[in-house]
Amino acid sequence: MKSIITILSVLAIAAGVHAADGKAKGDAKGKGKGDPAAAFAKLDANNDGKVSKEEFMASPSAKKDAAKAEKSFSNRDKNGDGFLSKEEFSPAKKAK
């Protein structure tokens, strides 16, 4: 009987850890991109409130596919100043 309770306790703890890990990565299912504000802050290496193309291209995902990152930066840089503001960086809100 003690072994069954011990096994069930271990399984419950493991399920809790797995659920918490999923929420930390984005949403309750572990999918999603997480917090855009946190990603912006991480990319803004010099903390000037904007992300330069150099800062954007230094990210791990940009290093994997530089051409895709260049296109993404250009598409987001709506005013063409060579920097991404927090508004330009954040994904567009979906209409309901």
N, C-alpha and C. Protein backbone atom coordinates (compact mmCIF):
# COMPACT_ATOMS: atom_id res chain seq x y z
N MET A 1 0.81 -1.18 0.00
CA MET A 1 0.00 0.00 0.00
C MET A 1 0.87 1.26 0.00
N LYS A 2 1.95 1.25 0.79
CA LYS A 2 2.83 2.41 0.84
C LYS A 2 3.48 2.65 -0.52
N SER A 3 3.82 1.58 -1.22
CA SER A 3 4.47 1.75 -2.52
C SER A 3 3.51 2.38 -3.54
N ILE A 4 2.24 2.04 -3.47
CA ILE A 4 1.26 2.62 -4.40
C ILE A 4 1.11 4.12 -4.11
N ILE A 5 1.03 4.47 -2.85
CA ILE A 5 0.92 5.89 -2.48
C ILE A 5 2.17 6.66 -2.91
N THR A 6 3.33 6.05 -2.72
CA THR A 6 4.58 6.69 -3.13
C THR A 6 4.61 6.91 -4.64
N ILE A 7 4.22 5.90 -5.41
CA ILE A 7 4.21 6.01 -6.86
C ILE A 7 3.23 7.09 -7.31
N LEU A 8 2.04 7.11 -6.72
CA LEU A 8 1.06 8.13 -7.08
C LEU A 8 1.55 9.54 -6.72
N SER A 9 2.24 9.66 -5.61
CA SER A 9 2.78 10.96 -5.21
C SER A 9 3.83 11.44 -6.20
N VAL A 10 4.70 10.56 -6.61
CA VAL A 10 5.74 10.91 -7.58
C VAL A 10 5.11 11.32 -8.91
N LEU A 11 4.11 10.60 -9.36
CA LEU A 11 3.42 10.94 -10.60
C LEU A 11 2.73 12.30 -10.50
N ALA A 12 2.12 12.59 -9.36
CA ALA A 12 1.45 13.88 -9.18
C ALA A 12 2.46 15.02 -9.21
N ILE A 13 3.60 14.83 -8.58
CA ILE A 13 4.64 15.86 -8.58
C ILE A 13 5.17 16.06 -9.99
N ALA A 14 5.41 14.97 -10.71
CA ALA A 14 5.92 15.07 -12.08
C ALA A 14 4.92 15.79 -12.98
N ALA A 15 3.64 15.53 -12.81
CA ALA A 15 2.63 16.21 -13.61
C ALA A 15 2.60 17.70 -13.30
N GLY A 16 2.76 18.05 -12.05
CA GLY A 16 2.80 19.46 -11.66
C GLY A 16 4.00 20.18 -12.23
N VAL A 17 5.14 19.55 -12.23
CA VAL A 17 6.35 20.15 -12.79
C VAL A 17 6.19 20.34 -14.29
N HIS A 18 5.62 19.35 -14.95
CA HIS A 18 5.41 19.43 -16.40
C HIS A 18 4.45 20.57 -16.73
N ALA A 19 3.38 20.74 -15.99
CA ALA A 19 2.41 21.81 -16.23
C ALA A 19 3.05 23.17 -16.00
N ALA A 20 3.84 23.31 -14.95
CA ALA A 20 4.51 24.58 -14.67
C ALA A 20 5.51 24.92 -15.76
N ASP A 21 6.20 23.92 -16.29
CA ASP A 21 7.16 24.15 -17.37
C ASP A 21 6.44 24.65 -18.61
N GLY A 22 5.29 24.11 -18.91
CA GLY A 22 4.51 24.55 -20.07
C GLY A 22 4.06 25.98 -19.94
N LYS A 23 3.63 26.40 -18.77
CA LYS A 23 3.17 27.77 -18.56
C LYS A 23 4.33 28.75 -18.69
N ALA A 24 5.52 28.35 -18.30
CA ALA A 24 6.67 29.24 -18.40
C ALA A 24 7.07 29.47 -19.85
N LYS A 25 6.75 28.55 -20.74
CA LYS A 25 7.13 28.68 -22.14
C LYS A 25 6.13 29.43 -22.98
N GLY A 26 4.98 29.76 -22.47
CA GLY A 26 4.04 30.51 -23.28
C GLY A 26 2.62 30.40 -22.80
N ASP A 27 2.02 29.24 -22.93
CA ASP A 27 0.66 29.09 -22.48
C ASP A 27 0.51 27.79 -21.72
N ALA A 28 -0.70 27.45 -21.33
CA ALA A 28 -0.94 26.28 -20.49
C ALA A 28 -0.52 24.98 -21.16
N LYS A 29 -0.48 24.96 -22.47
CA LYS A 29 -0.09 23.75 -23.19
C LYS A 29 1.40 23.73 -23.54
N GLY A 30 2.12 24.78 -23.18
CA GLY A 30 3.55 24.82 -23.49
C GLY A 30 3.83 25.30 -24.89
N LYS A 31 2.81 25.84 -25.56
CA LYS A 31 2.99 26.34 -26.91
C LYS A 31 2.89 27.85 -26.86
N GLY A 32 3.39 28.51 -27.88
CA GLY A 32 3.31 29.96 -27.93
C GLY A 32 4.69 30.57 -27.86
N LYS A 33 4.73 31.86 -27.98
CA LYS A 33 6.01 32.54 -28.05
C LYS A 33 6.36 33.28 -26.78
N GLY A 34 5.50 33.23 -25.80
CA GLY A 34 5.81 33.89 -24.55
C GLY A 34 5.48 35.36 -24.56
N ASP A 35 6.12 36.11 -23.73
CA ASP A 35 5.85 37.52 -23.52
C ASP A 35 6.66 38.39 -24.49
N PRO A 36 6.00 39.13 -25.39
CA PRO A 36 6.73 39.98 -26.33
C PRO A 36 7.57 41.05 -25.63
N ALA A 37 7.07 41.59 -24.52
CA ALA A 37 7.82 42.62 -23.80
C ALA A 37 9.13 42.06 -23.26
N ALA A 38 9.10 40.83 -22.76
CA ALA A 38 10.31 40.20 -22.25
C ALA A 38 11.29 39.91 -23.39
N ALA A 39 10.77 39.47 -24.53
CA ALA A 39 11.64 39.20 -25.69
C ALA A 39 12.27 40.50 -26.18
N PHE A 40 11.48 41.58 -26.21
CA PHE A 40 12.00 42.88 -26.62
C PHE A 40 13.13 43.32 -25.70
N ALA A 41 12.90 43.21 -24.40
CA ALA A 41 13.92 43.61 -23.41
C ALA A 41 15.19 42.79 -23.57
N LYS A 42 15.04 41.52 -23.88
CA LYS A 42 16.21 40.65 -24.05
C LYS A 42 17.01 41.05 -25.30
N LEU A 43 16.32 41.43 -26.36
CA LEU A 43 17.00 41.82 -27.59
C LEU A 43 17.64 43.20 -27.48
N ASP A 44 17.04 44.08 -26.68
CA ASP A 44 17.53 45.45 -26.53
C ASP A 44 18.78 45.45 -25.65
N ALA A 45 19.89 45.08 -26.24
CA ALA A 45 21.14 44.87 -25.49
C ALA A 45 21.65 46.13 -24.80
N ASN A 46 21.47 47.29 -25.41
CA ASN A 46 21.99 48.52 -24.81
C ASN A 46 20.92 49.29 -24.02
N ASN A 47 19.75 48.72 -23.88
CA ASN A 47 18.66 49.28 -23.07
C ASN A 47 18.29 50.71 -23.46
N ASP A 48 18.25 50.97 -24.77
CA ASP A 48 17.87 52.31 -25.23
C ASP A 48 16.39 52.42 -25.60
N GLY A 49 15.63 51.35 -25.38
CA GLY A 49 14.20 51.38 -25.65
C GLY A 49 13.82 51.06 -27.08
N LYS A 50 14.80 50.63 -27.86
CA LYS A 50 14.54 50.22 -29.24
C LYS A 50 15.53 49.12 -29.62
N VAL A 51 15.14 48.33 -30.61
CA VAL A 51 15.99 47.22 -31.06
C VAL A 51 16.55 47.57 -32.43
N SER A 52 17.86 47.66 -32.51
CA SER A 52 18.51 47.93 -33.80
C SER A 52 18.54 46.65 -34.63
N LYS A 53 18.85 46.81 -35.89
CA LYS A 53 18.95 45.65 -36.77
C LYS A 53 20.07 44.72 -36.29
N GLU A 54 21.16 45.30 -35.81
CA GLU A 54 22.28 44.50 -35.30
C GLU A 54 21.86 43.68 -34.08
N GLU A 55 21.11 44.31 -33.18
CA GLU A 55 20.62 43.58 -31.99
C GLU A 55 19.67 42.47 -32.41
N PHE A 56 18.79 42.77 -33.37
CA PHE A 56 17.83 41.78 -33.86
C PHE A 56 18.54 40.60 -34.50
N MET A 57 19.56 40.90 -35.31
CA MET A 57 20.28 39.85 -36.03
C MET A 57 21.19 39.03 -35.12
N ALA A 58 21.45 39.50 -33.91
CA ALA A 58 22.28 38.76 -32.96
C ALA A 58 21.50 37.69 -32.20
N SER A 59 20.19 37.64 -32.39
CA SER A 59 19.38 36.65 -31.68
C SER A 59 19.64 35.24 -32.22
N PRO A 60 19.43 34.23 -31.39
CA PRO A 60 19.66 32.85 -31.85
C PRO A 60 18.80 32.46 -33.05
N SER A 61 17.55 32.91 -33.10
CA SER A 61 16.70 32.54 -34.23
C SER A 61 17.17 33.22 -35.51
N ALA A 62 17.70 34.43 -35.41
CA ALA A 62 18.23 35.12 -36.59
C ALA A 62 19.49 34.43 -37.10
N LYS A 63 20.27 33.91 -36.20
CA LYS A 63 21.49 33.21 -36.60
C LYS A 63 21.17 31.91 -37.33
N LYS A 64 20.01 31.31 -37.01
CA LYS A 64 19.61 30.07 -37.69
C LYS A 64 19.18 30.34 -39.13
N ASP A 65 18.47 31.46 -39.35
CA ASP A 65 17.97 31.78 -40.69
C ASP A 65 18.05 33.29 -40.88
N ALA A 66 19.21 33.76 -41.31
CA ALA A 66 19.46 35.20 -41.44
C ALA A 66 18.54 35.85 -42.47
N ALA A 67 18.26 35.19 -43.57
CA ALA A 67 17.40 35.77 -44.60
C ALA A 67 15.99 36.00 -44.06
N LYS A 68 15.48 35.03 -43.35
CA LYS A 68 14.14 35.15 -42.78
C LYS A 68 14.12 36.26 -41.72
N ALA A 69 15.17 36.37 -40.93
CA ALA A 69 15.25 37.41 -39.90
C ALA A 69 15.32 38.80 -40.53
N GLU A 70 16.08 38.94 -41.61
CA GLU A 70 16.18 40.23 -42.32
C GLU A 70 14.81 40.66 -42.81
N LYS A 71 14.09 39.72 -43.40
CA LYS A 71 12.75 40.02 -43.92
C LYS A 71 11.81 40.38 -42.78
N SER A 72 11.88 39.64 -41.68
CA SER A 72 11.04 39.92 -40.52
C SER A 72 11.31 41.31 -39.96
N PHE A 73 12.58 41.67 -39.87
CA PHE A 73 12.95 43.00 -39.36
C PHE A 73 12.39 44.08 -40.28
N SER A 74 12.58 43.91 -41.57
CA SER A 74 12.09 44.90 -42.54
C SER A 74 10.58 45.05 -42.49
N ASN A 75 9.87 43.94 -42.36
CA ASN A 75 8.41 43.98 -42.28
C ASN A 75 7.92 44.68 -41.01
N ARG A 76 8.63 44.50 -39.93
CA ARG A 76 8.23 45.10 -38.66
C ARG A 76 8.60 46.58 -38.57
N ASP A 77 9.66 46.98 -39.23
CA ASP A 77 10.14 48.37 -39.16
C ASP A 77 9.26 49.25 -40.05
N LYS A 78 8.08 49.57 -39.54
CA LYS A 78 7.06 50.29 -40.32
C LYS A 78 7.50 51.69 -40.75
N ASN A 79 8.25 52.40 -39.89
CA ASN A 79 8.65 53.76 -40.24
C ASN A 79 10.02 53.83 -40.94
N GLY A 80 10.68 52.69 -41.12
CA GLY A 80 11.92 52.61 -41.87
C GLY A 80 13.11 53.33 -41.24
N ASP A 81 13.10 53.47 -39.91
CA ASP A 81 14.20 54.17 -39.24
C ASP A 81 15.36 53.27 -38.86
N GLY A 82 15.24 51.97 -39.14
CA GLY A 82 16.32 51.03 -38.82
C GLY A 82 16.28 50.50 -37.41
N PHE A 83 15.22 50.83 -36.69
CA PHE A 83 15.03 50.35 -35.32
C PHE A 83 13.61 49.84 -35.16
N LEU A 84 13.41 48.94 -34.20
CA LEU A 84 12.07 48.49 -33.86
C LEU A 84 11.69 49.08 -32.51
N SER A 85 10.56 49.76 -32.49
CA SER A 85 10.02 50.24 -31.22
C SER A 85 9.25 49.08 -30.58
N LYS A 86 8.82 49.26 -29.35
CA LYS A 86 8.03 48.21 -28.71
C LYS A 86 6.75 47.94 -29.49
N GLU A 87 6.15 48.99 -30.05
CA GLU A 87 4.92 48.83 -30.81
C GLU A 87 5.18 48.06 -32.11
N GLU A 88 6.28 48.36 -32.78
CA GLU A 88 6.61 47.66 -34.02
C GLU A 88 7.01 46.21 -33.74
N PHE A 89 7.62 45.97 -32.60
CA PHE A 89 8.10 44.63 -32.27
C PHE A 89 6.96 43.69 -31.92
N SER A 90 5.98 44.19 -31.19
CA SER A 90 4.87 43.36 -30.73
C SER A 90 4.02 42.89 -31.90
N PRO A 91 3.51 41.67 -31.82
CA PRO A 91 2.66 41.18 -32.90
C PRO A 91 1.37 41.99 -32.95
N ALA A 92 0.79 42.11 -34.14
CA ALA A 92 -0.45 42.86 -34.31
C ALA A 92 -1.58 42.16 -33.57
N LYS A 93 -2.45 42.94 -32.99
CA LYS A 93 -3.63 42.39 -32.31
C LYS A 93 -4.59 41.84 -33.35
N LYS A 94 -5.14 40.66 -33.07
CA LYS A 94 -6.09 40.06 -33.99
C LYS A 94 -7.46 40.68 -33.77
N ALA A 95 -8.14 40.98 -34.86
CA ALA A 95 -9.48 41.54 -34.76
C ALA A 95 -10.45 40.45 -34.36
N LYS A 96 -11.43 40.83 -33.52
CA LYS A 96 -12.42 39.83 -33.05
C LYS A 96 -13.59 39.76 -33.96
